[in-house]
Amino acid sequence: MSEMNEKLWTKNFVLIIVINFFVFLNHLMMLSTFPFYIEHLHGTEALAGIAAVMFSFVAVIVRPFIGWILDSGKRRSLLVLGLLGMGFMPLGYLFSALVVSALLCRMVHGVALACANTASNTIASDLLPKSRFGEGMGYFGTSIALSTATAPALGLFLMNQFGFRALFLFSAAICFVSLMLLAVMDIKPTFMEREKLKVSTLFDENAIPGSAILFVFLLSFGALENFLAKFAAESGLPGGGVFFCVMALVLLFVRMIMGKIVDSCGEGCFVYSCNLAMLIALLLLAFLPNTATYLLSAVLVGYGFGGIAPAMQAVAVYSAPPARRGAANSTYLCGYDLGFGFGGGIAGWLISVEGYATMFAVISLANILSVVLYVCWGRKHPSSFSYRRKHGLS
């Protein structure tokens, strides 16, 4: 069997894609509706921004330790723990009567997400043949595309039509369904010698450039994910669910094709074009907000996030041996968490001080910085597909 014909689609790979879809459905339903929930508890946009920062901060703190545990072979156990936490935390929101209790539950939810999606990403990495790694990560990324397409619209629908109780119960239920799917996966236990706990074992050096470039990009995308629905509601634009559906259809298409391009041509074209697309989308929302530009922005954002996130994940994880994939994935996902969290926090502060237009304009500068970071560092690093191809490395 030739390398490019190595089997990609297995039962385990399909199931981990579905589980990851439910993980992000839970996560993104909460992300898009949490500012409304904070408002329901008589909080402000600034508090909603603080919630986003706290959620991501605790996830970043625990991810390196999660990666270290994963690299001792505890893939399934960490995924079970994460799914349980993501299932119970929406029930915690249900019984929160004060902003402070909701914020505490949000922090625990961040830890649970860190366990669940670091484990699911690592399991997916284990299942992919090296020759089709970029392609496989692109397909794995469709789980995020589909959840992005459905989660905000579904979360807003449940919140508006049935209230927060229905939203939280549904979010909990899908994680318990994920546990049942995990039970039928035949993942063989992996026994690896656990490295001594030290800073060098918590992070993977080769994953840092891809993680850093994605972090800067996600400052702008995190701002959109956290506050787009409220911006649309306050500006008389079509609902946030419409934006996210259009965005995710484009995102899904991009992720179906981008993996093969990364495998054959490198990641550079996505870094440049995806940051440009996001920059234009934010400037349209800042200076020309109307229905046509709103929908065009959704298309551009779908392309931007759809292309760069799996490209950077492939860069971050490709060169890691099996015993370091947990560390590589946790390093990459730290950038993911920090981008979403700080993007939401900066956006919440800017909205409170200057309003949405200034926020979109200021946060768009992150996309310029992301390209600068890639040009000066990322493309010259051995983890880059473009670098490896140029120097004849496998």
Protein backbone atom coordinates (compact mmCIF):
# COMPACT_ATOMS: atom_id res chain seq x y z
CA MET A 1 0.00 0.00 0.00
CA SER A 2 1.48 3.37 -1.02
CA GLU A 3 1.87 6.07 1.62
CA MET A 4 -0.86 8.28 0.19
CA ASN A 5 -3.26 5.31 0.20
CA GLU A 6 -2.79 4.55 3.89
CA LYS A 7 -6.15 4.06 5.57
CA LEU A 8 -7.54 7.21 7.12
CA TRP A 9 -11.22 6.51 7.86
CA THR A 10 -11.59 4.00 10.68
CA LYS A 11 -14.37 3.48 13.23
CA ASN A 12 -12.28 5.08 15.96
CA PHE A 13 -11.46 8.11 13.82
CA VAL A 14 -15.12 8.68 12.96
CA LEU A 15 -16.17 8.33 16.61
CA ILE A 16 -13.51 10.74 17.90
CA ILE A 17 -14.68 13.28 15.31
CA VAL A 18 -18.26 12.93 16.60
CA ILE A 19 -17.14 13.20 20.24
CA ASN A 20 -15.11 16.30 19.44
CA PHE A 21 -18.17 17.76 17.70
CA PHE A 22 -20.21 17.34 20.90
CA VAL A 23 -17.38 18.79 23.03
CA PHE A 24 -17.32 21.93 20.91
CA LEU A 25 -21.10 22.06 20.64
CA ASN A 26 -21.20 22.27 24.44
CA HIS A 27 -18.35 24.79 24.52
CA LEU A 28 -19.58 27.12 21.75
CA MET A 29 -23.21 27.11 22.87
CA MET A 30 -22.01 28.42 26.21
CA LEU A 31 -19.51 30.83 24.66
CA SER A 32 -22.05 32.60 22.44
CA THR A 33 -24.77 32.83 25.12
CA PHE A 34 -22.72 33.48 28.26
CA PRO A 35 -22.69 37.30 27.85
CA PHE A 36 -26.51 37.13 27.84
CA TYR A 37 -26.43 34.94 30.95
CA ILE A 38 -24.14 37.41 32.73
CA GLU A 39 -26.58 40.16 31.73
CA HIS A 40 -29.42 37.99 33.11
CA LEU A 41 -27.52 37.94 36.42
CA HIS A 42 -27.24 41.77 36.21
CA GLY A 43 -23.62 41.79 35.04
CA THR A 44 -21.97 43.92 32.32
CA GLU A 45 -20.03 43.32 29.07
CA ALA A 46 -16.83 43.90 31.03
CA LEU A 47 -17.78 41.07 33.43
CA ALA A 48 -18.58 38.86 30.45
CA GLY A 49 -15.10 39.64 29.13
CA ILE A 50 -13.61 38.75 32.52
CA ALA A 51 -15.50 35.44 32.39
CA ALA A 52 -13.91 34.69 29.00
CA VAL A 53 -10.44 35.46 30.37
CA MET A 54 -10.98 33.34 33.50
CA PHE A 55 -12.34 30.42 31.47
CA SER A 56 -9.28 30.43 29.23
CA PHE A 57 -6.78 31.23 31.99
CA VAL A 58 -7.54 28.12 34.03
CA ALA A 59 -7.53 25.99 30.87
CA VAL A 60 -4.05 27.29 29.99
CA ILE A 61 -2.78 26.63 33.53
CA VAL A 62 -3.86 22.98 33.51
CA ARG A 63 -3.22 22.06 29.86
CA PRO A 64 0.54 21.43 30.20
CA PHE A 65 -0.10 19.03 33.09
CA ILE A 66 -2.85 17.36 31.07
CA GLY A 67 -0.38 16.89 28.22
CA TRP A 68 2.12 15.34 30.62
CA ILE A 69 -0.51 12.88 31.89
CA LEU A 70 -1.59 12.07 28.31
CA ASP A 71 2.02 11.28 27.44
CA SER A 72 1.97 8.57 30.10
CA GLY A 73 -0.77 6.85 28.08
CA LYS A 74 -3.87 8.08 29.97
CA ARG A 75 -5.76 9.10 26.81
CA ARG A 76 -9.17 7.59 27.60
CA SER A 77 -9.15 8.47 31.30
CA LEU A 78 -8.54 12.17 30.64
CA LEU A 79 -11.27 12.25 28.00
CA VAL A 80 -13.74 10.64 30.43
CA LEU A 81 -12.84 13.18 33.12
CA GLY A 82 -13.25 16.09 30.71
CA LEU A 83 -16.61 14.91 29.39
CA LEU A 84 -17.94 14.46 32.92
CA GLY A 85 -16.87 17.99 33.84
CA MET A 86 -18.36 19.49 30.69
CA GLY A 87 -21.58 17.64 31.42
CA PHE A 88 -21.93 18.77 35.03
CA MET A 89 -20.87 22.41 34.72
CA PRO A 90 -23.96 23.57 32.76
CA LEU A 91 -25.98 22.15 35.65
CA GLY A 92 -23.86 24.35 37.91
CA TYR A 93 -24.88 27.41 35.87
CA LEU A 94 -28.48 26.30 36.25
CA PHE A 95 -28.28 26.70 40.03
CA SER A 96 -26.14 29.88 40.03
CA ALA A 97 -28.02 32.90 41.34
CA LEU A 98 -25.00 35.23 41.52
CA VAL A 99 -22.37 36.31 39.00
CA VAL A 100 -19.57 35.08 41.27
CA SER A 101 -20.94 31.50 41.40
CA ALA A 102 -21.41 31.49 37.63
CA LEU A 103 -17.80 32.63 37.19
CA LEU A 104 -16.55 29.85 39.48
CA CYS A 105 -18.47 27.27 37.46
CA ARG A 106 -17.06 28.83 34.30
CA MET A 107 -13.52 28.28 35.56
CA VAL A 108 -14.20 24.60 36.30
CA HIS A 109 -15.79 24.34 32.84
CA GLY A 110 -12.49 25.64 31.41
CA VAL A 111 -10.56 22.87 33.15
CA ALA A 112 -13.01 20.28 31.83
CA LEU A 113 -12.70 21.58 28.28
CA ALA A 114 -8.92 21.45 28.58
CA CYS A 115 -9.09 17.77 29.57
CA ALA A 116 -11.64 16.84 26.92
CA ASN A 117 -10.29 18.49 23.82
CA THR A 118 -6.58 17.95 24.58
CA ALA A 119 -7.38 14.24 24.95
CA SER A 120 -9.57 14.09 21.83
CA ASN A 121 -6.94 15.90 19.75
CA THR A 122 -4.23 13.56 21.00
CA ILE A 123 -6.32 10.46 20.28
CA ALA A 124 -7.00 11.77 16.76
CA SER A 125 -3.27 12.41 16.25
CA ASP A 126 -2.54 8.81 17.27
CA LEU A 127 -4.97 7.49 14.67
CA LEU A 128 -3.58 9.35 11.62
CA PRO A 129 -0.95 8.01 9.18
CA LYS A 130 1.99 10.42 8.87
CA SER A 131 1.67 10.74 5.08
CA ARG A 132 -1.92 12.03 5.43
CA PHE A 133 -1.50 13.92 8.68
CA GLY A 134 -2.47 17.38 7.42
CA GLU A 135 -5.42 15.89 5.52
CA GLY A 136 -6.56 13.97 8.58
CA MET A 137 -6.34 16.99 10.87
CA GLY A 138 -8.35 18.94 8.31
CA TYR A 139 -11.11 16.33 8.42
CA PHE A 140 -10.90 16.21 12.21
CA GLY A 141 -11.36 19.98 12.15
CA THR A 142 -14.72 19.55 10.42
CA SER A 143 -16.10 18.61 13.85
CA ILE A 144 -15.33 22.15 14.97
CA ALA A 145 -16.74 23.54 11.71
CA LEU A 146 -20.03 21.69 12.19
CA SER A 147 -20.29 22.71 15.83
CA THR A 148 -19.54 26.31 14.88
CA ALA A 149 -22.34 26.10 12.32
CA THR A 150 -24.89 24.78 14.78
CA ALA A 151 -23.84 25.76 18.31
CA PRO A 152 -24.40 29.54 18.37
CA ALA A 153 -27.70 29.33 16.48
CA LEU A 154 -28.90 26.39 18.58
CA GLY A 155 -27.77 28.00 21.83
CA LEU A 156 -29.47 31.30 21.01
CA PHE A 157 -32.64 29.46 19.91
CA LEU A 158 -32.85 27.42 23.11
CA MET A 159 -32.13 30.50 25.23
CA ASN A 160 -34.70 32.70 23.46
CA GLN A 161 -37.45 30.12 23.06
CA PHE A 162 -37.15 27.99 26.19
CA GLY A 163 -34.83 29.86 28.55
CA PHE A 164 -31.47 29.14 30.11
CA ARG A 165 -32.73 25.96 31.79
CA ALA A 166 -33.27 24.19 28.47
CA LEU A 167 -29.95 25.47 27.16
CA PHE A 168 -28.01 24.14 30.15
CA LEU A 169 -29.78 20.77 30.24
CA PHE A 170 -29.17 20.18 26.53
CA SER A 171 -25.50 21.15 26.89
CA ALA A 172 -25.12 18.64 29.71
CA ALA A 173 -26.93 15.85 27.84
CA ILE A 174 -24.70 15.89 24.77
CA CYS A 175 -21.61 15.32 26.89
CA PHE A 176 -23.17 12.28 28.52
CA VAL A 177 -24.00 10.99 25.01
CA SER A 178 -20.29 11.45 24.20
CA LEU A 179 -19.39 9.19 27.11
CA MET A 180 -21.54 6.45 25.60
CA LEU A 181 -19.80 6.86 22.25
CA LEU A 182 -16.41 6.67 23.92
CA ALA A 183 -17.45 3.40 25.57
CA VAL A 184 -17.76 1.69 22.15
CA MET A 185 -14.36 2.88 20.91
CA ASP A 186 -11.77 0.12 20.97
CA ILE A 187 -8.77 2.24 21.89
CA LYS A 188 -5.93 -0.01 22.97
CA PRO A 189 -4.25 1.13 26.18
CA THR A 190 -0.88 2.75 25.57
CA PHE A 191 1.76 2.29 28.22
CA MET A 192 4.52 4.86 28.09
CA GLU A 193 7.24 5.65 30.59
CA ARG A 194 6.22 8.92 32.24
CA GLU A 195 8.92 11.56 32.05
CA LYS A 196 9.93 13.40 35.17
CA LEU A 197 7.73 16.45 35.73
CA LYS A 198 9.68 19.56 34.69
CA VAL A 199 9.11 22.56 32.45
CA SER A 200 10.64 20.89 29.38
CA THR A 201 8.22 17.96 29.64
CA LEU A 202 5.15 20.19 29.97
CA PHE A 203 5.64 21.97 26.64
CA ASP A 204 6.77 20.85 23.22
CA GLU A 205 9.29 23.28 21.72
CA ASN A 206 8.38 22.51 18.11
CA ALA A 207 4.71 23.30 18.79
CA ILE A 208 5.39 26.82 20.14
CA PRO A 209 5.61 28.73 16.81
CA GLY A 210 2.32 27.36 15.47
CA SER A 211 0.67 27.95 18.84
CA ALA A 212 1.94 31.54 19.05
CA ILE A 213 0.81 32.43 15.52
CA LEU A 214 -2.64 30.99 16.18
CA PHE A 215 -2.85 32.78 19.55
CA VAL A 216 -2.38 36.18 17.93
CA PHE A 217 -4.85 35.36 15.14
CA LEU A 218 -7.44 34.23 17.67
CA LEU A 219 -7.38 37.53 19.55
CA SER A 220 -9.63 38.84 16.78
CA PHE A 221 -11.63 35.65 16.29
CA GLY A 222 -12.16 35.30 20.06
CA ALA A 223 -13.59 38.82 20.15
CA LEU A 224 -16.07 37.87 17.41
CA GLU A 225 -17.08 34.58 19.00
CA ASN A 226 -17.77 36.19 22.37
CA PHE A 227 -19.59 39.35 21.27
CA LEU A 228 -20.86 39.02 17.69
CA ALA A 229 -24.35 37.92 18.75
CA LYS A 230 -24.75 40.91 21.09
CA PHE A 231 -23.35 43.27 18.46
CA ALA A 232 -25.90 42.00 15.91
CA ALA A 233 -28.79 42.29 18.37
CA GLU A 234 -27.87 45.86 19.32
CA SER A 235 -27.17 46.99 15.73
CA GLY A 236 -30.38 45.73 14.10
CA LEU A 237 -28.49 43.18 11.96
CA PRO A 238 -29.59 39.59 11.24
CA GLY A 239 -29.18 37.36 14.28
CA GLY A 240 -25.86 35.99 15.41
CA GLY A 241 -27.07 32.53 14.45
CA VAL A 242 -27.27 33.62 10.79
CA PHE A 243 -23.69 34.93 10.89
CA PHE A 244 -22.34 31.75 12.46
CA CYS A 245 -24.23 29.48 10.05
CA VAL A 246 -22.85 31.31 6.99
CA MET A 247 -19.39 31.38 8.57
CA ALA A 248 -19.44 27.68 9.36
CA LEU A 249 -20.58 26.56 5.90
CA VAL A 250 -17.52 28.26 4.45
CA LEU A 251 -15.37 26.93 7.29
CA LEU A 252 -16.56 23.38 6.62
CA PHE A 253 -15.73 23.62 2.91
CA VAL A 254 -12.26 25.00 3.63
CA ARG A 255 -11.46 22.27 6.12
CA MET A 256 -12.47 19.56 3.69
CA ILE A 257 -9.77 20.69 1.25
CA MET A 258 -7.08 22.49 3.21
CA GLY A 259 -5.33 19.43 4.65
CA LYS A 260 -4.08 18.14 1.30
CA ILE A 261 -2.82 21.63 0.44
CA VAL A 262 -0.83 21.82 3.68
CA ASP A 263 0.61 18.34 3.08
CA SER A 264 1.75 19.26 -0.44
CA CYS A 265 2.40 23.03 -0.39
CA GLY A 266 2.94 24.08 3.21
CA GLU A 267 0.99 26.34 5.54
CA GLY A 268 2.15 29.77 4.38
CA CYS A 269 -0.68 30.46 1.94
CA PHE A 270 -3.22 29.98 4.73
CA VAL A 271 -1.38 32.21 7.20
CA TYR A 272 -1.31 35.09 4.71
CA SER A 273 -4.77 34.73 3.17
CA CYS A 274 -6.62 33.83 6.37
CA ASN A 275 -5.26 36.81 8.29
CA LEU A 276 -6.12 39.10 5.37
CA ALA A 277 -9.67 37.73 5.26
CA MET A 278 -10.15 38.28 9.00
CA LEU A 279 -8.70 41.80 8.80
CA ILE A 280 -11.14 42.81 6.03
CA ALA A 281 -14.09 41.25 7.89
CA LEU A 282 -13.36 43.19 11.08
CA LEU A 283 -12.93 46.49 9.24
CA LEU A 284 -16.24 45.95 7.44
CA LEU A 285 -17.99 45.38 10.77
CA ALA A 286 -16.26 48.44 12.26
CA PHE A 287 -16.89 50.96 9.49
CA LEU A 288 -19.59 49.60 7.13
CA PRO A 289 -22.03 47.58 9.24
CA ASN A 290 -25.03 46.62 7.11
CA THR A 291 -26.68 43.36 6.14
CA ALA A 292 -24.56 42.83 3.00
CA THR A 293 -21.20 43.51 4.70
CA TYR A 294 -22.31 41.51 7.75
CA LEU A 295 -22.87 38.42 5.58
CA LEU A 296 -19.68 39.05 3.58
CA SER A 297 -17.80 39.25 6.88
CA ALA A 298 -19.25 35.87 7.87
CA VAL A 299 -17.84 34.37 4.66
CA LEU A 300 -14.42 35.93 5.25
CA VAL A 301 -14.30 34.86 8.90
CA GLY A 302 -15.28 31.31 7.90
CA TYR A 303 -12.39 31.15 5.46
CA GLY A 304 -9.97 32.76 7.92
CA PHE A 305 -10.59 30.52 10.90
CA GLY A 306 -11.34 27.49 8.73
CA GLY A 307 -7.92 27.59 7.11
CA ILE A 308 -5.47 28.75 9.74
CA ALA A 309 -6.48 26.71 12.82
CA PRO A 310 -5.97 23.18 11.41
CA ALA A 311 -2.92 24.36 9.44
CA MET A 312 -1.26 25.56 12.64
CA GLN A 313 -2.31 22.40 14.47
CA ALA A 314 -0.70 20.25 11.78
CA VAL A 315 2.48 22.34 12.06
CA ALA A 316 2.45 22.04 15.86
CA VAL A 317 1.86 18.31 16.13
CA TYR A 318 3.31 16.70 12.95
CA SER A 319 6.88 16.24 14.15
CA ALA A 320 5.99 15.05 17.66
CA PRO A 321 6.64 11.34 18.44
CA PRO A 322 3.77 9.39 20.06
CA ALA A 323 5.26 9.89 23.54
CA ARG A 324 5.18 13.70 23.06
CA ARG A 325 1.84 14.18 21.27
CA GLY A 326 0.04 15.09 24.46
CA ALA A 327 2.57 17.85 25.15
CA ALA A 328 2.43 19.03 21.53
CA ASN A 329 -1.36 19.19 21.50
CA SER A 330 -1.53 20.90 24.89
CA THR A 331 1.04 23.49 23.76
CA TYR A 332 -0.97 24.18 20.61
CA LEU A 333 -4.25 24.37 22.53
CA CYS A 334 -2.77 26.78 25.09
CA GLY A 335 -2.49 29.24 22.21
CA TYR A 336 -6.08 28.45 21.32
CA ASP A 337 -7.32 29.14 24.86
CA LEU A 338 -5.26 32.28 25.33
CA GLY A 339 -6.44 33.72 22.01
CA PHE A 340 -10.11 33.14 22.77
CA GLY A 341 -9.80 34.31 26.35
CA PHE A 342 -7.72 37.43 25.88
CA GLY A 343 -9.60 38.27 22.68
CA GLY A 344 -12.86 38.18 24.63
CA GLY A 345 -11.37 40.10 27.56
CA ILE A 346 -9.86 42.86 25.42
CA ALA A 347 -13.06 43.09 23.40
CA GLY A 348 -15.26 43.37 26.50
CA TRP A 349 -13.10 46.20 27.88
CA LEU A 350 -12.99 48.06 24.55
CA ILE A 351 -16.78 47.78 24.11
CA SER A 352 -17.36 49.17 27.59
CA VAL A 353 -15.00 52.09 26.98
CA GLU A 354 -15.36 52.94 23.27
CA GLY A 355 -18.06 50.74 21.71
CA TYR A 356 -18.16 48.00 19.10
CA ALA A 357 -16.74 49.95 16.13
CA THR A 358 -13.54 50.86 17.96
CA MET A 359 -13.24 47.32 19.32
CA PHE A 360 -13.40 45.73 15.85
CA ALA A 361 -10.91 48.25 14.43
CA VAL A 362 -8.38 47.85 17.25
CA ILE A 363 -8.61 44.06 17.49
CA SER A 364 -8.00 43.74 13.72
CA LEU A 365 -4.38 44.78 14.34
CA ALA A 366 -3.83 41.27 15.72
CA ASN A 367 -4.10 39.86 12.21
CA ILE A 368 -1.26 42.05 10.98
CA LEU A 369 0.86 40.97 13.94
CA SER A 370 0.09 37.29 13.24
CA VAL A 371 1.54 37.60 9.72
CA VAL A 372 4.61 39.47 11.02
CA LEU A 373 5.18 36.69 13.57
CA TYR A 374 5.00 34.03 10.86
CA VAL A 375 7.34 35.88 8.48
CA CYS A 376 9.95 36.61 11.16
CA TRP A 377 9.78 33.27 12.99
CA GLY A 378 7.23 30.64 11.98
CA ARG A 379 8.25 29.98 8.38
CA LYS A 380 11.93 29.74 9.39
CA HIS A 381 11.31 27.17 12.12
CA PRO A 382 11.87 23.42 11.46
CA SER A 383 8.25 22.68 12.48
CA SER A 384 7.01 24.56 9.39
CA PHE A 385 5.86 22.35 6.50
CA SER A 386 7.26 24.96 4.13
CA TYR A 387 10.67 24.80 5.87
CA ARG A 388 10.68 21.02 5.89
CA ARG A 389 9.83 20.83 2.19
CA LYS A 390 12.49 23.43 1.30
CA HIS A 391 15.18 21.49 3.19
CA GLY A 392 14.04 18.04 2.07
CA LEU A 393 12.92 16.86 5.51
CA SER A 394 10.20 14.20 5.91
